[in-house]
Amino acid sequence: MMDGERNVERGRLFQRRRVCRFCTEQVPLDFKDAPLLRNFLTERGRIIPRRTSGNCMRHQRKLTVAIKRARSIALLAFAEER
């Protein structure tokens, strides 16, 4: 049996590490770009963690600050209604 087959039997699949979107595409991170920031929020309005989004540490920190700034000037909601 190969290693990949053993992982499938145990129920764990190897998932490729996501790359930072801001590093690869050179997308500017700005708090006024609400549609871009909404991609990194859950339906409830929580910030998606770095391990899920695939951002590097530097851009995840900048993203968090941008989301908080956008919330404070009412471009983004603090929490979505149920």
C-alpha atoms as a PDB file:
ATOM      1  CA  MET A   1       0.000   0.000   0.000  1.00  0.00           C
ATOM      2  CA  MET A   2       1.134   3.527  -0.697  1.00  0.00           C
ATOM      3  CA  ASP A   3       1.154   6.316   1.879  1.00  0.00           C
ATOM      4  CA  GLY A   4      -1.685   8.151   0.176  1.00  0.00           C
ATOM      5  CA  GLU A   5      -3.901   5.086   0.348  1.00  0.00           C
ATOM      6  CA  ARG A   6      -3.231   4.661   4.064  1.00  0.00           C
ATOM      7  CA  ASN A   7      -4.278   8.236   4.738  1.00  0.00           C
ATOM      8  CA  VAL A   8      -7.540   7.715   2.886  1.00  0.00           C
ATOM      9  CA  GLU A   9      -8.268   4.576   4.925  1.00  0.00           C
ATOM     10  CA  ARG A  10      -7.820   6.466   8.195  1.00  0.00           C
ATOM     11  CA  GLY A  11     -10.163   9.169   6.983  1.00  0.00           C
ATOM     12  CA  ARG A  12      -7.577  11.936   6.752  1.00  0.00           C
ATOM     13  CA  LEU A  13      -6.849  13.499   3.422  1.00  0.00           C
ATOM     14  CA  PHE A  14      -3.821  15.653   2.790  1.00  0.00           C
ATOM     15  CA  GLN A  15      -4.867  19.144   1.836  1.00  0.00           C
ATOM     16  CA  ARG A  16      -2.489  21.500   0.094  1.00  0.00           C
ATOM     17  CA  ARG A  17      -1.519  24.632   2.016  1.00  0.00           C
ATOM     18  CA  ARG A  18      -3.302  27.687   0.659  1.00  0.00           C
ATOM     19  CA  VAL A  19      -1.120  30.566  -0.439  1.00  0.00           C
ATOM     20  CA  CYS A  20      -1.552  34.154   0.640  1.00  0.00           C
ATOM     21  CA  ARG A  21      -3.761  35.950  -1.848  1.00  0.00           C
ATOM     22  CA  PHE A  22      -2.247  39.333  -1.045  1.00  0.00           C
ATOM     23  CA  CYS A  23       1.330  38.124  -1.592  1.00  0.00           C
ATOM     24  CA  THR A  24       0.721  36.299  -4.866  1.00  0.00           C
ATOM     25  CA  GLU A  25      -1.706  38.658  -6.610  1.00  0.00           C
ATOM     26  CA  GLN A  26      -0.279  41.899  -5.158  1.00  0.00           C
ATOM     27  CA  VAL A  27      -3.825  42.985  -4.204  1.00  0.00           C
ATOM     28  CA  PRO A  28      -3.781  46.212  -2.163  1.00  0.00           C
ATOM     29  CA  LEU A  29      -5.369  45.817   1.260  1.00  0.00           C
ATOM     30  CA  ASP A  30      -7.552  48.810   2.061  1.00  0.00           C
ATOM     31  CA  PHE A  31     -10.257  49.256   4.700  1.00  0.00           C
ATOM     32  CA  LYS A  32     -12.474  51.056   2.166  1.00  0.00           C
ATOM     33  CA  ASP A  33     -12.693  47.952  -0.044  1.00  0.00           C
ATOM     34  CA  ALA A  34     -15.698  46.380   1.720  1.00  0.00           C
ATOM     35  CA  PRO A  35     -16.435  43.644  -0.881  1.00  0.00           C
ATOM     36  CA  LEU A  36     -12.880  42.307  -0.540  1.00  0.00           C
ATOM     37  CA  LEU A  37     -13.061  42.366   3.256  1.00  0.00           C
ATOM     38  CA  ARG A  38     -16.415  40.529   3.266  1.00  0.00           C
ATOM     39  CA  ASN A  39     -14.670  37.528   1.685  1.00  0.00           C
ATOM     40  CA  PHE A  40     -12.765  37.100   4.949  1.00  0.00           C
ATOM     41  CA  LEU A  41     -15.825  37.211   7.225  1.00  0.00           C
ATOM     42  CA  THR A  42     -18.203  34.400   8.141  1.00  0.00           C
ATOM     43  CA  GLU A  43     -21.971  34.694   7.761  1.00  0.00           C
ATOM     44  CA  ARG A  44     -22.105  35.731  11.414  1.00  0.00           C
ATOM     45  CA  GLY A  45     -19.549  38.499  10.873  1.00  0.00           C
ATOM     46  CA  ARG A  46     -16.529  36.843  12.482  1.00  0.00           C
ATOM     47  CA  ILE A  47     -13.044  37.121  10.964  1.00  0.00           C
ATOM     48  CA  ILE A  48     -11.921  33.902   9.248  1.00  0.00           C
ATOM     49  CA  PRO A  49      -8.725  32.548  10.875  1.00  0.00           C
ATOM     50  CA  ARG A  50      -5.410  32.455   9.106  1.00  0.00           C
ATOM     51  CA  ARG A  51      -5.269  28.651   8.891  1.00  0.00           C
ATOM     52  CA  THR A  52      -8.569  28.667   6.972  1.00  0.00           C
ATOM     53  CA  SER A  53      -8.041  31.695   4.749  1.00  0.00           C
ATOM     54  CA  GLY A  54      -4.426  30.855   3.893  1.00  0.00           C
ATOM     55  CA  ASN A  55      -3.113  34.361   4.501  1.00  0.00           C
ATOM     56  CA  CYS A  56       0.417  34.926   5.722  1.00  0.00           C
ATOM     57  CA  MET A  57       0.849  36.341   9.209  1.00  0.00           C
ATOM     58  CA  ARG A  58       1.685  39.851   8.043  1.00  0.00           C
ATOM     59  CA  HIS A  59      -1.349  40.156   5.776  1.00  0.00           C
ATOM     60  CA  GLN A  60      -3.702  38.503   8.279  1.00  0.00           C
ATOM     61  CA  ARG A  61      -2.770  41.169  10.828  1.00  0.00           C
ATOM     62  CA  LYS A  62      -3.276  43.953   8.275  1.00  0.00           C
ATOM     63  CA  LEU A  63      -6.575  42.369   7.238  1.00  0.00           C
ATOM     64  CA  THR A  64      -7.788  42.284  10.846  1.00  0.00           C
ATOM     65  CA  VAL A  65      -6.953  45.965  11.338  1.00  0.00           C
ATOM     66  CA  ALA A  66      -8.675  46.859   8.044  1.00  0.00           C
ATOM     67  CA  ILE A  67     -11.834  44.950   9.021  1.00  0.00           C
ATOM     68  CA  LYS A  68     -11.932  46.656  12.414  1.00  0.00           C
ATOM     69  CA  ARG A  69     -11.500  50.079  10.800  1.00  0.00           C
ATOM     70  CA  ALA A  70     -14.244  49.343   8.271  1.00  0.00           C
ATOM     71  CA  ARG A  71     -16.546  48.282  11.106  1.00  0.00           C
ATOM     72  CA  SER A  72     -15.871  51.442  13.094  1.00  0.00           C
ATOM     73  CA  ILE A  73     -16.898  53.697  10.193  1.00  0.00           C
ATOM     74  CA  ALA A  74     -19.898  51.468   9.373  1.00  0.00           C
ATOM     75  CA  LEU A  75     -18.715  50.003   6.070  1.00  0.00           C
ATOM     76  CA  LEU A  76     -19.070  46.529   7.591  1.00  0.00           C
ATOM     77  CA  ALA A  77     -21.462  45.254  10.233  1.00  0.00           C
ATOM     78  CA  PHE A  78     -20.081  44.112  13.593  1.00  0.00           C
ATOM     79  CA  ALA A  79     -22.418  41.102  13.555  1.00  0.00           C
ATOM     80  CA  GLU A  80     -25.060  39.854  11.179  1.00  0.00           C
ATOM     81  CA  GLU A  81     -28.636  39.461  12.349  1.00  0.00           C
ATOM     82  CA  ARG A  82     -30.086  35.990  12.640  1.00  0.00           C
END
